[in-house]
């Protein structure tokens, strides 16, 4: 059987599972879901840091969904911060959405430069 794929077909996200620790930088054009622990910089189209997830390093993304912990700066177009999220560092954003009680101990900086692609 011959299978054809559409170039615009969605790809599977990269997942760092709970209990997994990754040391080093990550870079992808797609989505990264972090439920474990990453020590290093993360660059992706979309970064999701789950409730048990933690990143120690810089995050650069078009969209950030923060449910867990980010210990470092983030430069994003849209930041979505959810209940019980924790962050230290500087959050540079164009659009910021905060839901519920968060543990933000970071500097908020509305971006004036061009958007991440």
PDB file of N, CA and C in Angstrom:
ATOM      1  N   UNK A   1       0.846  -1.168   0.000  1.00  0.00           N
ATOM      2  CA  UNK A   1       0.000   0.000   0.000  1.00  0.00           C
ATOM      3  C   UNK A   1       0.897   1.239   0.000  1.00  0.00           C
ATOM      4  N   UNK A   2       0.563   2.196  -0.808  1.00  0.00           N
ATOM      5  CA  UNK A   2       1.332   3.417  -0.924  1.00  0.00           C
ATOM      6  C   UNK A   2       0.637   4.516  -0.120  1.00  0.00           C
ATOM      7  N   UNK A   3       1.386   5.167   0.720  1.00  0.00           N
ATOM      8  CA  UNK A   3       0.798   6.226   1.552  1.00  0.00           C
ATOM      9  C   UNK A   3       1.377   7.571   1.148  1.00  0.00           C
ATOM     10  N   UNK A   4       0.516   8.545   1.066  1.00  0.00           N
ATOM     11  CA  UNK A   4       0.941   9.902   0.763  1.00  0.00           C
ATOM     12  C   UNK A   4       0.683  10.765   1.990  1.00  0.00           C
ATOM     13  N   UNK A   5       1.578  11.705   2.221  1.00  0.00           N
ATOM     14  CA  UNK A   5       1.370  12.610   3.349  1.00  0.00           C
ATOM     15  C   UNK A   5       1.285  14.034   2.831  1.00  0.00           C
ATOM     16  N   UNK A   6       0.516  14.803   3.501  1.00  0.00           N
ATOM     17  CA  UNK A   6       0.358  16.204   3.186  1.00  0.00           C
ATOM     18  C   UNK A   6       1.458  16.969   3.908  1.00  0.00           C
ATOM     19  N   UNK A   7       2.170  17.836   3.206  1.00  0.00           N
ATOM     20  CA  UNK A   7       3.257  18.594   3.823  1.00  0.00           C
ATOM     21  C   UNK A   7       2.753  19.471   4.961  1.00  0.00           C
ATOM     22  N   UNK A   8       1.478  19.839   4.927  1.00  0.00           N
ATOM     23  CA  UNK A   8       0.920  20.679   5.979  1.00  0.00           C
ATOM     24  C   UNK A   8       0.320  19.863   7.118  1.00  0.00           C
ATOM     25  N   UNK A   9       0.454  18.544   7.025  1.00  0.00           N
ATOM     26  CA  UNK A   9      -0.086  17.666   8.057  1.00  0.00           C
ATOM     27  C   UNK A   9       0.595  17.964   9.393  1.00  0.00           C
ATOM     28  N   UNK A  10      -0.185  17.962  10.457  1.00  0.00           N
ATOM     29  CA  UNK A  10       0.367  18.263  11.779  1.00  0.00           C
ATOM     30  C   UNK A  10       1.323  17.166  12.218  1.00  0.00           C
ATOM     31  N   UNK A  11       2.392  17.576  12.863  1.00  0.00           N
ATOM     32  CA  UNK A  11       3.354  16.610  13.375  1.00  0.00           C
ATOM     33  C   UNK A  11       3.074  16.355  14.845  1.00  0.00           C
ATOM     34  N   UNK A  12       3.564  15.257  15.331  1.00  0.00           N
ATOM     35  CA  UNK A  12       3.403  14.927  16.749  1.00  0.00           C
ATOM     36  C   UNK A  12       4.296  15.834  17.579  1.00  0.00           C
ATOM     37  N   UNK A  13       3.851  16.205  18.779  1.00  0.00           N
ATOM     38  CA  UNK A  13       4.692  17.045  19.636  1.00  0.00           C
ATOM     39  C   UNK A  13       5.866  16.249  20.199  1.00  0.00           C
ATOM     40  N   UNK A  14       6.911  16.956  20.553  1.00  0.00           N
ATOM     41  CA  UNK A  14       8.007  16.359  21.303  1.00  0.00           C
ATOM     42  C   UNK A  14       7.586  16.387  22.759  1.00  0.00           C
ATOM     43  N   UNK A  15       7.647  15.239  23.436  1.00  0.00           N
ATOM     44  CA  UNK A  15       7.172  15.149  24.819  1.00  0.00           C
ATOM     45  C   UNK A  15       8.312  14.716  25.728  1.00  0.00           C
ATOM     46  N   UNK A  16       8.547  15.517  26.764  1.00  0.00           N
ATOM     47  CA  UNK A  16       9.467  15.145  27.838  1.00  0.00           C
ATOM     48  C   UNK A  16       8.561  14.704  28.978  1.00  0.00           C
ATOM     49  N   UNK A  17       8.503  13.402  29.206  1.00  0.00           N
ATOM     50  CA  UNK A  17       7.557  12.832  30.157  1.00  0.00           C
ATOM     51  C   UNK A  17       7.908  13.075  31.608  1.00  0.00           C
ATOM     52  N   UNK A  18       6.908  12.916  32.469  1.00  0.00           N
ATOM     53  CA  UNK A  18       7.107  13.029  33.919  1.00  0.00           C
ATOM     54  C   UNK A  18       8.163  12.013  34.339  1.00  0.00           C
ATOM     55  N   UNK A  19       9.053  12.416  35.216  1.00  0.00           N
ATOM     56  CA  UNK A  19      10.112  11.534  35.682  1.00  0.00           C
ATOM     57  C   UNK A  19      11.342  11.553  34.794  1.00  0.00           C
ATOM     58  N   UNK A  20      11.273  12.242  33.658  1.00  0.00           N
ATOM     59  CA  UNK A  20      12.399  12.319  32.725  1.00  0.00           C
ATOM     60  C   UNK A  20      13.138  13.635  32.945  1.00  0.00           C
ATOM     61  N   UNK A  21      14.485  13.591  32.913  1.00  0.00           N
ATOM     62  CA  UNK A  21      15.288  14.805  33.028  1.00  0.00           C
ATOM     63  C   UNK A  21      16.163  14.917  31.793  1.00  0.00           C
ATOM     64  N   UNK A  22      16.094  16.061  31.127  1.00  0.00           N
ATOM     65  CA  UNK A  22      16.883  16.326  29.933  1.00  0.00           C
ATOM     66  C   UNK A  22      17.819  17.485  30.228  1.00  0.00           C
ATOM     67  N   UNK A  23      19.102  17.281  29.966  1.00  0.00           N
ATOM     68  CA  UNK A  23      20.081  18.348  30.130  1.00  0.00           C
ATOM     69  C   UNK A  23      20.619  18.690  28.750  1.00  0.00           C
ATOM     70  N   UNK A  24      20.443  19.929  28.340  1.00  0.00           N
ATOM     71  CA  UNK A  24      20.873  20.372  27.017  1.00  0.00           C
ATOM     72  C   UNK A  24      19.801  21.218  26.367  1.00  0.00           C
ATOM     73  N   UNK A  25      20.171  21.868  25.276  1.00  0.00           N
ATOM     74  CA  UNK A  25      19.242  22.751  24.578  1.00  0.00           C
ATOM     75  C   UNK A  25      18.363  21.962  23.612  1.00  0.00           C
ATOM     76  N   UNK A  26      17.121  22.432  23.438  1.00  0.00           N
ATOM     77  CA  UNK A  26      16.168  21.823  22.501  1.00  0.00           C
ATOM     78  C   UNK A  26      15.739  22.884  21.501  1.00  0.00           C
ATOM     79  N   UNK A  27      15.656  22.495  20.214  1.00  0.00           N
ATOM     80  CA  UNK A  27      15.169  23.419  19.193  1.00  0.00           C
ATOM     81  C   UNK A  27      14.337  22.629  18.196  1.00  0.00           C
ATOM     82  N   UNK A  28      13.094  23.089  17.961  1.00  0.00           N
ATOM     83  CA  UNK A  28      12.199  22.446  17.004  1.00  0.00           C
ATOM     84  C   UNK A  28      11.257  23.489  16.420  1.00  0.00           C
ATOM     85  N   UNK A  29      10.729  23.192  15.249  1.00  0.00           N
ATOM     86  CA  UNK A  29       9.753  24.083  14.613  1.00  0.00           C
ATOM     87  C   UNK A  29       8.331  23.731  15.025  1.00  0.00           C
ATOM     88  N   UNK A  30       8.190  22.796  15.941  1.00  0.00           N
ATOM     89  CA  UNK A  30       6.872  22.289  16.307  1.00  0.00           C
ATOM     90  C   UNK A  30       6.593  22.518  17.791  1.00  0.00           C
ATOM     91  N   UNK A  31       5.734  21.697  18.366  1.00  0.00           N
ATOM     92  CA  UNK A  31       5.331  21.819  19.768  1.00  0.00           C
ATOM     93  C   UNK A  31       6.194  20.948  20.667  1.00  0.00           C
ATOM     94  N   UNK A  32       6.544  21.495  21.832  1.00  0.00           N
ATOM     95  CA  UNK A  32       7.246  20.737  22.870  1.00  0.00           C
ATOM     96  C   UNK A  32       6.363  20.740  24.111  1.00  0.00           C
ATOM     97  N   UNK A  33       6.087  19.552  24.649  1.00  0.00           N
ATOM     98  CA  UNK A  33       5.350  19.418  25.909  1.00  0.00           C
ATOM     99  C   UNK A  33       6.336  18.914  26.955  1.00  0.00           C
ATOM    100  N   UNK A  34       6.444  19.644  28.057  1.00  0.00           N
ATOM    101  CA  UNK A  34       7.404  19.292  29.102  1.00  0.00           C
ATOM    102  C   UNK A  34       6.639  18.963  30.376  1.00  0.00           C
ATOM    103  N   UNK A  35       6.699  17.693  30.751  1.00  0.00           N
ATOM    104  CA  UNK A  35       6.066  17.229  31.985  1.00  0.00           C
ATOM    105  C   UNK A  35       7.128  16.769  32.973  1.00  0.00           C
ATOM    106  N   UNK A  36       8.367  16.713  32.500  1.00  0.00           N
ATOM    107  CA  UNK A  36       9.508  16.343  33.328  1.00  0.00           C
ATOM    108  C   UNK A  36      10.341  17.575  33.638  1.00  0.00           C
ATOM    109  N   UNK A  37      11.676  17.424  33.593  1.00  0.00           N
ATOM    110  CA  UNK A  37      12.601  18.475  33.999  1.00  0.00           C
ATOM    111  C   UNK A  37      13.595  18.711  32.863  1.00  0.00           C
ATOM    112  N   UNK A  38      13.694  19.953  32.393  1.00  0.00           N
ATOM    113  CA  UNK A  38      14.656  20.322  31.357  1.00  0.00           C
ATOM    114  C   UNK A  38      15.601  21.365  31.927  1.00  0.00           C
ATOM    115  N   UNK A  39      16.902  21.091  31.818  1.00  0.00           N
ATOM    116  CA  UNK A  39      17.926  22.067  32.184  1.00  0.00           C
ATOM    117  C   UNK A  39      18.600  22.466  30.877  1.00  0.00           C
ATOM    118  N   UNK A  40      18.238  23.620  30.361  1.00  0.00           N
ATOM    119  CA  UNK A  40      18.748  24.084  29.077  1.00  0.00           C
ATOM    120  C   UNK A  40      17.732  24.990  28.420  1.00  0.00           C
ATOM    121  N   UNK A  41      18.104  25.535  27.283  1.00  0.00           N
ATOM    122  CA  UNK A  41      17.237  26.456  26.560  1.00  0.00           C
ATOM    123  C   UNK A  41      16.283  25.686  25.655  1.00  0.00           C
ATOM    124  N   UNK A  42      15.041  26.181  25.547  1.00  0.00           N
ATOM    125  CA  UNK A  42      14.019  25.531  24.721  1.00  0.00           C
ATOM    126  C   UNK A  42      13.516  26.546  23.698  1.00  0.00           C
ATOM    127  N   UNK A  43      13.646  26.190  22.409  1.00  0.00           N
ATOM    128  CA  UNK A  43      13.152  27.025  21.322  1.00  0.00           C
ATOM    129  C   UNK A  43      12.189  26.183  20.499  1.00  0.00           C
ATOM    130  N   UNK A  44      10.946  26.660  20.351  1.00  0.00           N
ATOM    131  CA  UNK A  44       9.932  25.897  19.626  1.00  0.00           C
ATOM    132  C   UNK A  44       8.805  26.817  19.189  1.00  0.00           C
ATOM    133  N   UNK A  45       7.968  26.311  18.290  1.00  0.00           N
ATOM    134  CA  UNK A  45       6.766  27.046  17.887  1.00  0.00           C
ATOM    135  C   UNK A  45       5.858  27.251  19.101  1.00  0.00           C
ATOM    136  N   UNK A  46       5.562  26.151  19.803  1.00  0.00           N
ATOM    137  CA  UNK A  46       4.729  26.191  20.999  1.00  0.00           C
ATOM    138  C   UNK A  46       5.421  25.410  22.100  1.00  0.00           C
ATOM    139  N   UNK A  47       5.493  26.001  23.286  1.00  0.00           N
ATOM    140  CA  UNK A  47       6.065  25.321  24.452  1.00  0.00           C
ATOM    141  C   UNK A  47       4.968  25.197  25.500  1.00  0.00           C
ATOM    142  N   UNK A  48       4.731  23.952  25.937  1.00  0.00           N
ATOM    143  CA  UNK A  48       3.772  23.669  27.000  1.00  0.00           C
ATOM    144  C   UNK A  48       4.564  23.110  28.170  1.00  0.00           C
ATOM    145  N   UNK A  49       4.544  23.813  29.296  1.00  0.00           N
ATOM    146  CA  UNK A  49       5.177  23.308  30.514  1.00  0.00           C
ATOM    147  C   UNK A  49       4.040  22.855  31.418  1.00  0.00           C
ATOM    148  N   UNK A  50       3.900  21.535  31.561  1.00  0.00           N
ATOM    149  CA  UNK A  50       2.802  20.947  32.319  1.00  0.00           C
ATOM    150  C   UNK A  50       2.928  21.187  33.811  1.00  0.00           C
ATOM    151  N   UNK A  51       1.887  20.813  34.555  1.00  0.00           N
ATOM    152  CA  UNK A  51       1.845  21.058  36.007  1.00  0.00           C
ATOM    153  C   UNK A  51       3.051  20.527  36.752  1.00  0.00           C
ATOM    154  N   UNK A  52       3.538  19.357  36.402  1.00  0.00           N
ATOM    155  CA  UNK A  52       4.714  18.803  37.069  1.00  0.00           C
ATOM    156  C   UNK A  52       6.000  19.134  36.350  1.00  0.00           C
ATOM    157  N   UNK A  53       5.904  19.896  35.262  1.00  0.00           N
ATOM    158  CA  UNK A  53       7.070  20.200  34.440  1.00  0.00           C
ATOM    159  C   UNK A  53       7.872  21.372  34.965  1.00  0.00           C
ATOM    160  N   UNK A  54       9.171  21.347  34.643  1.00  0.00           N
ATOM    161  CA  UNK A  54      10.057  22.432  35.065  1.00  0.00           C
ATOM    162  C   UNK A  54      11.119  22.654  33.999  1.00  0.00           C
ATOM    163  N   UNK A  55      11.362  23.922  33.681  1.00  0.00           N
ATOM    164  CA  UNK A  55      12.445  24.301  32.783  1.00  0.00           C
ATOM    165  C   UNK A  55      13.347  25.264  33.531  1.00  0.00           C
ATOM    166  N   UNK A  56      14.642  24.947  33.531  1.00  0.00           N
ATOM    167  CA  UNK A  56      15.654  25.852  34.065  1.00  0.00           C
ATOM    168  C   UNK A  56      16.469  26.290  32.855  1.00  0.00           C
ATOM    169  N   UNK A  57      16.171  27.470  32.338  1.00  0.00           N
ATOM    170  CA  UNK A  57      16.811  27.961  31.123  1.00  0.00           C
ATOM    171  C   UNK A  57      15.894  28.929  30.407  1.00  0.00           C
ATOM    172  N   UNK A  58      16.315  29.341  29.228  1.00  0.00           N
ATOM    173  CA  UNK A  58      15.573  30.320  28.426  1.00  0.00           C
ATOM    174  C   UNK A  58      14.547  29.611  27.542  1.00  0.00           C
ATOM    175  N   UNK A  59      13.341  30.208  27.434  1.00  0.00           N
ATOM    176  CA  UNK A  59      12.310  29.709  26.521  1.00  0.00           C
ATOM    177  C   UNK A  59      12.065  30.775  25.456  1.00  0.00           C
ATOM    178  N   UNK A  60      12.116  30.344  24.185  1.00  0.00           N
ATOM    179  CA  UNK A  60      11.792  31.214  23.062  1.00  0.00           C
ATOM    180  C   UNK A  60      10.736  30.494  22.236  1.00  0.00           C
ATOM    181  N   UNK A  61       9.572  31.132  22.058  1.00  0.00           N
ATOM    182  CA  UNK A  61       8.473  30.459  21.362  1.00  0.00           C
ATOM    183  C   UNK A  61       7.479  31.475  20.824  1.00  0.00           C
ATOM    184  N   UNK A  62       6.667  31.016  19.886  1.00  0.00           N
ATOM    185  CA  UNK A  62       5.542  31.829  19.451  1.00  0.00           C
ATOM    186  C   UNK A  62       4.496  31.855  20.559  1.00  0.00           C
ATOM    187  N   UNK A  63       4.204  30.668  21.133  1.00  0.00           N
ATOM    188  CA  UNK A  63       3.190  30.564  22.180  1.00  0.00           C
ATOM    189  C   UNK A  63       3.724  29.746  23.348  1.00  0.00           C
ATOM    190  N   UNK A  64       3.499  30.243  24.560  1.00  0.00           N
ATOM    191  CA  UNK A  64       3.872  29.546  25.792  1.00  0.00           C
ATOM    192  C   UNK A  64       2.612  29.258  26.598  1.00  0.00           C
ATOM    193  N   UNK A  65       2.465  28.002  27.030  1.00  0.00           N
ATOM    194  CA  UNK A  65       1.425  27.600  27.973  1.00  0.00           C
ATOM    195  C   UNK A  65       2.153  27.161  29.234  1.00  0.00           C
ATOM    196  N   UNK A  66       2.045  27.941  30.304  1.00  0.00           N
ATOM    197  CA  UNK A  66       2.779  27.649  31.534  1.00  0.00           C
ATOM    198  C   UNK A  66       1.821  27.203  32.632  1.00  0.00           C
ATOM    199  N   UNK A  67       1.899  25.909  32.956  1.00  0.00           N
ATOM    200  CA  UNK A  67       1.147  25.323  34.067  1.00  0.00           C
ATOM    201  C   UNK A  67       2.101  24.966  35.200  1.00  0.00           C
ATOM    202  N   UNK A  68       3.373  24.764  34.882  1.00  0.00           N
ATOM    203  CA  UNK A  68       4.380  24.306  35.836  1.00  0.00           C
ATOM    204  C   UNK A  68       5.331  25.417  36.239  1.00  0.00           C
ATOM    205  N   UNK A  69       6.645  25.131  36.156  1.00  0.00           N
ATOM    206  CA  UNK A  69       7.665  26.055  36.648  1.00  0.00           C
ATOM    207  C   UNK A  69       8.651  26.416  35.547  1.00  0.00           C
ATOM    208  N   UNK A  70       8.926  27.709  35.413  1.00  0.00           N
ATOM    209  CA  UNK A  70       9.961  28.206  34.510  1.00  0.00           C
ATOM    210  C   UNK A  70      10.908  29.059  35.326  1.00  0.00           C
ATOM    211  N   UNK A  71      12.157  28.613  35.397  1.00  0.00           N
ATOM    212  CA  UNK A  71      13.196  29.338  36.123  1.00  0.00           C
ATOM    213  C   UNK A  71      14.163  29.885  35.088  1.00  0.00           C
ATOM    214  N   UNK A  72      13.819  31.038  34.538  1.00  0.00           N
ATOM    215  CA  UNK A  72      14.627  31.653  33.494  1.00  0.00           C
ATOM    216  C   UNK A  72      13.772  32.578  32.660  1.00  0.00           C
ATOM    217  N   UNK A  73      14.390  33.291  31.721  1.00  0.00           N
ATOM    218  CA  UNK A  73      13.650  34.247  30.899  1.00  0.00           C
ATOM    219  C   UNK A  73      12.868  33.559  29.787  1.00  0.00           C
ATOM    220  N   UNK A  74      11.839  34.253  29.287  1.00  0.00           N
ATOM    221  CA  UNK A  74      11.058  33.763  28.150  1.00  0.00           C
ATOM    222  C   UNK A  74      10.775  34.927  27.211  1.00  0.00           C
ATOM    223  N   UNK A  75      10.938  34.670  25.915  1.00  0.00           N
ATOM    224  CA  UNK A  75      10.588  35.638  24.882  1.00  0.00           C
ATOM    225  C   UNK A  75       9.566  34.962  23.983  1.00  0.00           C
ATOM    226  N   UNK A  76       8.325  35.465  24.016  1.00  0.00           N
ATOM    227  CA  UNK A  76       7.216  34.815  23.312  1.00  0.00           C
ATOM    228  C   UNK A  76       6.319  35.865  22.666  1.00  0.00           C
ATOM    229  N   UNK A  77       5.503  35.411  21.724  1.00  0.00           N
ATOM    230  CA  UNK A  77       4.466  36.290  21.187  1.00  0.00           C
ATOM    231  C   UNK A  77       3.273  36.310  22.133  1.00  0.00           C
ATOM    232  N   UNK A  78       2.816  35.104  22.535  1.00  0.00           N
ATOM    233  CA  UNK A  78       1.667  34.985  23.431  1.00  0.00           C
ATOM    234  C   UNK A  78       2.034  34.102  24.610  1.00  0.00           C
ATOM    235  N   UNK A  79       1.817  34.615  25.823  1.00  0.00           N
ATOM    236  CA  UNK A  79       2.058  33.847  27.045  1.00  0.00           C
ATOM    237  C   UNK A  79       0.722  33.565  27.714  1.00  0.00           C
ATOM    238  N   UNK A  80       0.473  32.290  27.987  1.00  0.00           N
ATOM    239  CA  UNK A  80      -0.726  31.852  28.700  1.00  0.00           C
ATOM    240  C   UNK A  80      -0.264  31.264  30.025  1.00  0.00           C
ATOM    241  N   UNK A  81      -0.570  31.946  31.118  1.00  0.00           N
ATOM    242  CA  UNK A  81      -0.105  31.544  32.440  1.00  0.00           C
ATOM    243  C   UNK A  81      -1.321  31.061  33.230  1.00  0.00           C
ATOM    244  N   UNK A  82      -1.233  29.837  33.766  1.00  0.00           N
ATOM    245  CA  UNK A  82      -2.378  29.210  34.423  1.00  0.00           C
ATOM    246  C   UNK A  82      -2.175  29.089  35.929  1.00  0.00           C
ATOM    247  N   UNK A  83      -3.248  28.747  36.639  1.00  0.00           N
ATOM    248  CA  UNK A  83      -3.217  28.595  38.097  1.00  0.00           C
ATOM    249  C   UNK A  83      -2.037  27.748  38.537  1.00  0.00           C
ATOM    250  N   UNK A  84      -1.410  28.169  39.615  1.00  0.00           N
ATOM    251  CA  UNK A  84      -0.294  27.478  40.257  1.00  0.00           C
ATOM    252  C   UNK A  84       1.002  27.495  39.458  1.00  0.00           C
ATOM    253  N   UNK A  85       1.047  28.199  38.319  1.00  0.00           N
ATOM    254  CA  UNK A  85       2.293  28.321  37.563  1.00  0.00           C
ATOM    255  C   UNK A  85       3.291  29.152  38.363  1.00  0.00           C
ATOM    256  N   UNK A  86       4.564  28.850  38.177  1.00  0.00           N
ATOM    257  CA  UNK A  86       5.641  29.563  38.862  1.00  0.00           C
ATOM    258  C   UNK A  86       6.639  30.043  37.809  1.00  0.00           C
ATOM    259  N   UNK A  87       7.122  31.273  37.961  1.00  0.00           N
ATOM    260  CA  UNK A  87       8.137  31.767  37.036  1.00  0.00           C
ATOM    261  C   UNK A  87       9.013  32.797  37.705  1.00  0.00           C
ATOM    262  N   UNK A  88      10.320  32.682  37.454  1.00  0.00           N
ATOM    263  CA  UNK A  88      11.279  33.715  37.816  1.00  0.00           C
ATOM    264  C   UNK A  88      12.001  34.104  36.533  1.00  0.00           C
ATOM    265  N   UNK A  89      12.539  35.297  36.470  1.00  0.00           N
ATOM    266  CA  UNK A  89      13.204  35.764  35.255  1.00  0.00           C
ATOM    267  C   UNK A  89      12.409  36.895  34.636  1.00  0.00           C
ATOM    268  N   UNK A  90      12.613  37.126  33.351  1.00  0.00           N
ATOM    269  CA  UNK A  90      11.897  38.172  32.623  1.00  0.00           C
ATOM    270  C   UNK A  90      11.008  37.530  31.569  1.00  0.00           C
ATOM    271  N   UNK A  91       9.738  37.900  31.554  1.00  0.00           N
ATOM    272  CA  UNK A  91       8.794  37.419  30.548  1.00  0.00           C
ATOM    273  C   UNK A  91       8.555  38.547  29.552  1.00  0.00           C
ATOM    274  N   UNK A  92       9.073  38.384  28.325  1.00  0.00           N
ATOM    275  CA  UNK A  92       8.880  39.359  27.250  1.00  0.00           C
ATOM    276  C   UNK A  92       7.789  38.827  26.331  1.00  0.00           C
ATOM    277  N   UNK A  93       6.741  39.609  26.085  1.00  0.00           N
ATOM    278  CA  UNK A  93       5.545  39.112  25.399  1.00  0.00           C
ATOM    279  C   UNK A  93       4.890  40.219  24.576  1.00  0.00           C
ATOM    280  N   UNK A  94       4.039  39.818  23.621  1.00  0.00           N
ATOM    281  CA  UNK A  94       3.134  40.739  22.939  1.00  0.00           C
ATOM    282  C   UNK A  94       1.753  40.648  23.569  1.00  0.00           C
ATOM    283  N   UNK A  95       1.297  39.417  23.845  1.00  0.00           N
ATOM    284  CA  UNK A  95      -0.014  39.184  24.452  1.00  0.00           C
ATOM    285  C   UNK A  95       0.176  38.331  25.692  1.00  0.00           C
ATOM    286  N   UNK A  96      -0.460  38.738  26.803  1.00  0.00           N
ATOM    287  CA  UNK A  96      -0.325  38.024  28.074  1.00  0.00           C
ATOM    288  C   UNK A  96      -1.705  37.674  28.607  1.00  0.00           C
ATOM    289  N   UNK A  97      -1.916  36.385  28.895  1.00  0.00           N
ATOM    290  CA  UNK A  97      -3.168  35.900  29.479  1.00  0.00           C
ATOM    291  C   UNK A  97      -2.836  35.192  30.786  1.00  0.00           C
ATOM    292  N   UNK A  98      -3.437  35.643  31.888  1.00  0.00           N
ATOM    293  CA  UNK A  98      -3.199  35.028  33.194  1.00  0.00           C
ATOM    294  C   UNK A  98      -4.532  34.544  33.743  1.00  0.00           C
ATOM    295  N   UNK A  99      -4.567  33.265  34.150  1.00  0.00           N
ATOM    296  CA  UNK A  99      -5.777  32.653  34.683  1.00  0.00           C
ATOM    297  C   UNK A  99      -5.502  32.149  36.087  1.00  0.00           C
ATOM    298  N   UNK A 100      -6.283  32.594  37.071  1.00  0.00           N
ATOM    299  CA  UNK A 100      -6.153  32.079  38.436  1.00  0.00           C
ATOM    300  C   UNK A 100      -4.962  32.646  39.187  1.00  0.00           C
ATOM    301  N   UNK A 101      -4.666  32.022  40.326  1.00  0.00           N
ATOM    302  CA  UNK A 101      -3.554  32.444  41.179  1.00  0.00           C
ATOM    303  C   UNK A 101      -2.261  31.841  40.658  1.00  0.00           C
ATOM    304  N   UNK A 102      -1.263  32.685  40.466  1.00  0.00           N
ATOM    305  CA  UNK A 102       0.022  32.215  39.963  1.00  0.00           C
ATOM    306  C   UNK A 102       1.129  32.644  40.900  1.00  0.00           C
ATOM    307  N   UNK A 103       2.275  32.042  40.735  1.00  0.00           N
ATOM    308  CA  UNK A 103       3.445  32.398  41.525  1.00  0.00           C
ATOM    309  C   UNK A 103       4.469  33.114  40.668  1.00  0.00           C
ATOM    310  N   UNK A 104       4.030  34.160  39.978  1.00  0.00           N
ATOM    311  CA  UNK A 104       4.956  34.897  39.124  1.00  0.00           C
ATOM    312  C   UNK A 104       5.815  35.818  39.970  1.00  0.00           C
ATOM    313  N   UNK A 105       7.110  35.596  39.917  1.00  0.00           N
ATOM    314  CA  UNK A 105       8.075  36.474  40.569  1.00  0.00           C
ATOM    315  C   UNK A 105       9.049  36.932  39.502  1.00  0.00           C
ATOM    316  N   UNK A 106       8.471  37.432  38.416  1.00  0.00           N
ATOM    317  CA  UNK A 106       9.294  37.791  37.272  1.00  0.00           C
ATOM    318  C   UNK A 106       8.993  39.220  36.840  1.00  0.00           C
ATOM    319  N   UNK A 107       9.876  39.727  36.012  1.00  0.00           N
ATOM    320  CA  UNK A 107       9.670  41.032  35.407  1.00  0.00           C
ATOM    321  C   UNK A 107       8.844  40.818  34.143  1.00  0.00           C
ATOM    322  N   UNK A 108       7.787  41.609  33.970  1.00  0.00           N
ATOM    323  CA  UNK A 108       6.966  41.541  32.764  1.00  0.00           C
ATOM    324  C   UNK A 108       7.382  42.667  31.827  1.00  0.00           C
ATOM    325  N   UNK A 109       7.660  42.319  30.571  1.00  0.00           N
ATOM    326  CA  UNK A 109       8.109  43.310  29.598  1.00  0.00           C
ATOM    327  C   UNK A 109       7.331  43.141  28.299  1.00  0.00           C
ATOM    328  N   UNK A 110       6.450  44.105  27.998  1.00  0.00           N
ATOM    329  CA  UNK A 110       5.696  44.050  26.741  1.00  0.00           C
ATOM    330  C   UNK A 110       6.665  44.344  25.602  1.00  0.00           C
ATOM    331  N   UNK A 111       6.697  43.442  24.626  1.00  0.00           N
ATOM    332  CA  UNK A 111       7.647  43.554  23.522  1.00  0.00           C
ATOM    333  C   UNK A 111       7.229  44.626  22.525  1.00  0.00           C
ATOM    334  N   UNK A 112       8.230  45.284  21.956  1.00  0.00           N
ATOM    335  CA  UNK A 112       8.003  46.279  20.917  1.00  0.00           C
ATOM    336  C   UNK A 112       8.744  45.904  19.637  1.00  0.00           C
ATOM    337  N   UNK A 113       9.549  44.830  19.697  1.00  0.00           N
ATOM    338  CA  UNK A 113      10.286  44.366  18.523  1.00  0.00           C
ATOM    339  C   UNK A 113       9.386  43.510  17.641  1.00  0.00           C
ATOM    340  N   UNK A 114       9.943  42.859  16.626  1.00  0.00           N
ATOM    341  CA  UNK A 114       9.106  42.028  15.750  1.00  0.00           C
ATOM    342  C   UNK A 114       8.790  40.689  16.400  1.00  0.00           C
ATOM    343  N   UNK A 115       7.685  40.100  15.981  1.00  0.00           N
ATOM    344  CA  UNK A 115       7.215  38.837  16.558  1.00  0.00           C
ATOM    345  C   UNK A 115       8.098  37.669  16.154  1.00  0.00           C
ATOM    346  N   UNK A 116       8.160  36.658  17.043  1.00  0.00           N
ATOM    347  CA  UNK A 116       8.842  35.402  16.729  1.00  0.00           C
ATOM    348  C   UNK A 116       8.080  34.705  15.620  1.00  0.00           C
ATOM    349  N   UNK A 117       8.792  34.005  14.768  1.00  0.00           N
ATOM    350  CA  UNK A 117       8.137  33.243  13.694  1.00  0.00           C
ATOM    351  C   UNK A 117       8.398  31.787  13.865  1.00  0.00           C
TER     352      UNK A 117
END
